[in-house]
Amino acid sequence: MITPLRVIIALCLIAPFVAMLWVSSYAKTDPALGGIPFFYWYQMLWVLISTALTMIAYKLWQHDQRSRTASGSHTSDDNKGGASK
């Protein structure tokens, strides 16, 4: 079942891929940060952003699974491929 929470989880996980695959948005040298060209520091910034977004997605997934288990609305299909408790 698609819920608003699961849409947020998906966006958190998809955003880094979109940002890194859209190379023309960061294929330049300016602005430099501490002498490091934009091309490099932008990618390194996304390493940190990706970590944070993945952590947020995981915490939201845990919350979603706990609330579904507590309400008794989960089925065998919901548990396929999900994280363990």
N, C-alpha and C. Protein backbone atom coordinates (compact mmCIF):
# COMPACT_ATOMS: atom_id res chain seq x y z
N MET A 1 0.84 -1.18 0.00
CA MET A 1 0.00 0.00 0.00
C MET A 1 0.89 1.25 0.00
N ILE A 2 0.56 2.19 -0.86
CA ILE A 2 1.32 3.44 -0.93
C ILE A 2 0.73 4.44 0.06
N THR A 3 1.58 4.89 0.97
CA THR A 3 1.18 5.87 1.97
C THR A 3 2.06 7.10 1.81
N PRO A 4 1.65 8.25 2.36
CA PRO A 4 2.52 9.44 2.28
C PRO A 4 3.90 9.20 2.90
N LEU A 5 3.94 8.43 3.97
CA LEU A 5 5.22 8.15 4.61
C LEU A 5 6.14 7.35 3.68
N ARG A 6 5.59 6.40 2.97
CA ARG A 6 6.39 5.60 2.04
C ARG A 6 6.84 6.43 0.84
N VAL A 7 6.07 7.42 0.45
CA VAL A 7 6.48 8.33 -0.63
C VAL A 7 7.68 9.15 -0.17
N ILE A 8 7.65 9.61 1.07
CA ILE A 8 8.78 10.37 1.62
C ILE A 8 10.03 9.49 1.68
N ILE A 9 9.85 8.23 2.10
CA ILE A 9 10.98 7.29 2.13
C ILE A 9 11.57 7.13 0.73
N ALA A 10 10.72 6.95 -0.25
CA ALA A 10 11.19 6.79 -1.63
C ALA A 10 11.94 8.02 -2.12
N LEU A 11 11.43 9.19 -1.81
CA LEU A 11 12.10 10.42 -2.22
C LEU A 11 13.46 10.57 -1.56
N CYS A 12 13.55 10.18 -0.29
CA CYS A 12 14.84 10.23 0.40
C CYS A 12 15.87 9.32 -0.26
N LEU A 13 15.42 8.19 -0.76
CA LEU A 13 16.34 7.23 -1.37
C LEU A 13 16.65 7.55 -2.83
N ILE A 14 15.73 8.21 -3.52
CA ILE A 14 15.92 8.51 -4.94
C ILE A 14 16.71 9.80 -5.16
N ALA A 15 16.57 10.77 -4.27
CA ALA A 15 17.20 12.08 -4.44
C ALA A 15 18.70 12.01 -4.72
N PRO A 16 19.49 11.23 -3.97
CA PRO A 16 20.93 11.18 -4.27
C PRO A 16 21.24 10.64 -5.67
N PHE A 17 20.47 9.67 -6.13
CA PHE A 17 20.70 9.13 -7.46
C PHE A 17 20.44 10.19 -8.53
N VAL A 18 19.36 10.91 -8.38
CA VAL A 18 19.03 11.96 -9.34
C VAL A 18 20.11 13.04 -9.33
N ALA A 19 20.53 13.44 -8.13
CA ALA A 19 21.54 14.49 -8.02
C ALA A 19 22.85 14.08 -8.67
N MET A 20 23.26 12.84 -8.49
CA MET A 20 24.54 12.39 -9.04
C MET A 20 24.47 12.03 -10.53
N LEU A 21 23.31 11.58 -10.99
CA LEU A 21 23.19 11.22 -12.41
C LEU A 21 22.98 12.44 -13.31
N TRP A 22 22.57 13.57 -12.74
CA TRP A 22 22.39 14.80 -13.50
C TRP A 22 23.72 15.56 -13.51
N VAL A 23 24.68 15.01 -14.23
CA VAL A 23 26.06 15.50 -14.23
C VAL A 23 26.17 16.93 -14.72
N SER A 24 25.37 17.31 -15.69
CA SER A 24 25.50 18.66 -16.24
C SER A 24 25.20 19.75 -15.20
N SER A 25 24.54 19.39 -14.11
CA SER A 25 24.25 20.38 -13.07
C SER A 25 25.48 20.73 -12.23
N TYR A 26 26.48 19.86 -12.22
CA TYR A 26 27.66 20.13 -11.40
C TYR A 26 28.99 19.95 -12.15
N ALA A 27 28.95 19.83 -13.46
CA ALA A 27 30.17 19.66 -14.25
C ALA A 27 30.80 21.02 -14.54
N LYS A 28 31.34 21.62 -13.50
CA LYS A 28 32.00 22.91 -13.63
C LYS A 28 33.02 23.06 -12.51
N THR A 29 33.88 24.05 -12.61
CA THR A 29 34.92 24.22 -11.61
C THR A 29 34.58 25.29 -10.58
N ASP A 30 33.75 26.24 -10.96
CA ASP A 30 33.40 27.34 -10.04
C ASP A 30 32.02 27.11 -9.46
N PRO A 31 31.75 27.45 -8.24
CA PRO A 31 32.64 28.10 -7.27
C PRO A 31 33.52 27.07 -6.56
N ALA A 32 34.76 27.46 -6.38
CA ALA A 32 35.70 26.61 -5.66
C ALA A 32 35.51 26.83 -4.16
N LEU A 33 35.74 25.78 -3.40
CA LEU A 33 35.62 25.85 -1.94
C LEU A 33 36.95 25.42 -1.35
N GLY A 34 37.68 26.38 -0.82
CA GLY A 34 39.00 26.09 -0.27
C GLY A 34 39.96 25.57 -1.33
N GLY A 35 39.82 26.04 -2.55
CA GLY A 35 40.68 25.62 -3.64
C GLY A 35 40.24 24.32 -4.32
N ILE A 36 39.17 23.72 -3.82
CA ILE A 36 38.66 22.47 -4.40
C ILE A 36 37.57 22.84 -5.41
N PRO A 37 37.70 22.38 -6.65
CA PRO A 37 36.69 22.70 -7.67
C PRO A 37 35.30 22.19 -7.28
N PHE A 38 34.30 22.91 -7.73
CA PHE A 38 32.90 22.60 -7.44
C PHE A 38 32.58 21.15 -7.76
N PHE A 39 33.08 20.64 -8.89
CA PHE A 39 32.80 19.28 -9.32
C PHE A 39 33.09 18.26 -8.21
N TYR A 40 34.20 18.46 -7.49
CA TYR A 40 34.60 17.51 -6.45
C TYR A 40 33.87 17.72 -5.13
N TRP A 41 33.82 19.00 -4.67
CA TRP A 41 33.21 19.18 -3.36
C TRP A 41 31.71 18.97 -3.39
N TYR A 42 31.06 19.17 -4.51
CA TYR A 42 29.62 18.90 -4.64
C TYR A 42 29.34 17.41 -4.46
N GLN A 43 30.18 16.59 -5.09
CA GLN A 43 30.01 15.14 -4.95
C GLN A 43 30.29 14.68 -3.53
N MET A 44 31.29 15.23 -2.90
CA MET A 44 31.60 14.85 -1.52
C MET A 44 30.50 15.32 -0.56
N LEU A 45 29.89 16.46 -0.84
CA LEU A 45 28.76 16.93 -0.04
C LEU A 45 27.59 15.95 -0.15
N TRP A 46 27.38 15.41 -1.34
CA TRP A 46 26.30 14.44 -1.53
C TRP A 46 26.55 13.13 -0.81
N VAL A 47 27.80 12.81 -0.53
CA VAL A 47 28.09 11.62 0.29
C VAL A 47 27.47 11.82 1.67
N LEU A 48 27.67 12.99 2.25
CA LEU A 48 27.10 13.29 3.57
C LEU A 48 25.57 13.40 3.52
N ILE A 49 25.06 14.07 2.49
CA ILE A 49 23.61 14.21 2.35
C ILE A 49 22.97 12.83 2.15
N SER A 50 23.59 11.98 1.35
CA SER A 50 23.05 10.64 1.10
C SER A 50 23.01 9.82 2.38
N THR A 51 24.04 9.96 3.19
CA THR A 51 24.06 9.26 4.47
C THR A 51 22.90 9.70 5.35
N ALA A 52 22.69 11.00 5.43
CA ALA A 52 21.60 11.53 6.25
C ALA A 52 20.24 11.10 5.71
N LEU A 53 20.06 11.17 4.40
CA LEU A 53 18.77 10.78 3.82
C LEU A 53 18.49 9.28 3.98
N THR A 54 19.53 8.48 3.87
CA THR A 54 19.36 7.04 4.07
C THR A 54 18.99 6.73 5.52
N MET A 55 19.62 7.43 6.46
CA MET A 55 19.29 7.25 7.87
C MET A 55 17.84 7.67 8.15
N ILE A 56 17.43 8.79 7.58
CA ILE A 56 16.05 9.25 7.74
C ILE A 56 15.07 8.24 7.16
N ALA A 57 15.38 7.74 5.96
CA ALA A 57 14.50 6.75 5.32
C ALA A 57 14.39 5.50 6.18
N TYR A 58 15.49 5.05 6.76
CA TYR A 58 15.48 3.86 7.60
C TYR A 58 14.63 4.07 8.85
N LYS A 59 14.81 5.22 9.49
CA LYS A 59 14.02 5.51 10.70
C LYS A 59 12.54 5.61 10.36
N LEU A 60 12.20 6.23 9.24
CA LEU A 60 10.80 6.32 8.83
C LEU A 60 10.24 4.94 8.51
N TRP A 61 11.05 4.08 7.89
CA TRP A 61 10.62 2.71 7.59
C TRP A 61 10.35 1.94 8.88
N GLN A 62 11.23 2.10 9.85
CA GLN A 62 11.01 1.43 11.15
C GLN A 62 9.71 1.92 11.78
N HIS A 63 9.48 3.22 11.74
CA HIS A 63 8.25 3.78 12.30
C HIS A 63 7.02 3.22 11.57
N ASP A 64 7.10 3.16 10.25
CA ASP A 64 6.01 2.64 9.44
C ASP A 64 5.71 1.18 9.80
N GLN A 65 6.76 0.38 9.94
CA GLN A 65 6.57 -1.03 10.26
C GLN A 65 6.01 -1.23 11.66
N ARG A 66 6.47 -0.43 12.62
CA ARG A 66 5.93 -0.53 13.99
C ARG A 66 4.47 -0.14 14.03
N SER A 67 4.11 0.92 13.32
CA SER A 67 2.71 1.36 13.35
C SER A 67 1.81 0.37 12.63
N ARG A 68 2.30 -0.26 11.58
CA ARG A 68 1.50 -1.25 10.87
C ARG A 68 1.33 -2.51 11.73
N THR A 69 2.36 -2.90 12.44
CA THR A 69 2.28 -4.07 13.30
C THR A 69 1.34 -3.80 14.48
N ALA A 70 1.45 -2.60 15.05
CA ALA A 70 0.62 -2.25 16.20
C ALA A 70 -0.86 -2.17 15.83
N SER A 71 -1.15 -1.72 14.62
CA SER A 71 -2.55 -1.59 14.21
C SER A 71 -3.11 -2.90 13.68
N GLY A 72 -2.23 -3.87 13.46
CA GLY A 72 -2.68 -5.17 12.97
C GLY A 72 -3.11 -5.15 11.53
N SER A 73 -2.66 -4.14 10.78
CA SER A 73 -3.09 -4.02 9.38
C SER A 73 -2.09 -4.60 8.40
N HIS A 74 -1.05 -5.29 8.90
CA HIS A 74 -0.07 -5.85 7.96
C HIS A 74 -0.53 -7.22 7.47
N THR A 75 -0.10 -7.51 6.27
CA THR A 75 -0.37 -8.82 5.69
C THR A 75 0.94 -9.47 5.35
N SER A 76 0.90 -10.67 4.86
CA SER A 76 2.14 -11.37 4.51
C SER A 76 2.88 -10.64 3.40
N ASP A 77 2.19 -9.93 2.52
CA ASP A 77 2.83 -9.20 1.43
C ASP A 77 3.63 -8.02 1.95
N ASP A 78 3.19 -7.39 3.05
CA ASP A 78 3.90 -6.24 3.58
C ASP A 78 5.26 -6.61 4.17
N ASN A 79 5.43 -7.83 4.59
CA ASN A 79 6.66 -8.23 5.21
C ASN A 79 7.73 -8.70 4.23
N LYS A 80 7.38 -8.84 2.98
CA LYS A 80 8.35 -9.29 1.99
C LYS A 80 9.35 -8.18 1.72
N GLY A 81 10.62 -8.49 1.88
CA GLY A 81 11.67 -7.53 1.56
C GLY A 81 11.81 -6.42 2.58
N GLY A 82 11.13 -6.48 3.68
CA GLY A 82 11.21 -5.44 4.69
C GLY A 82 12.35 -5.66 5.65
N ALA A 83 12.63 -4.64 6.42
CA ALA A 83 13.69 -4.73 7.41
C ALA A 83 13.19 -5.53 8.62
N SER A 84 14.12 -6.22 9.26
CA SER A 84 13.73 -6.97 10.44
C SER A 84 13.59 -6.02 11.62
N LYS A 85 12.91 -6.49 12.64
CA LYS A 85 12.66 -5.63 13.81
C LYS A 85 13.86 -5.59 14.72
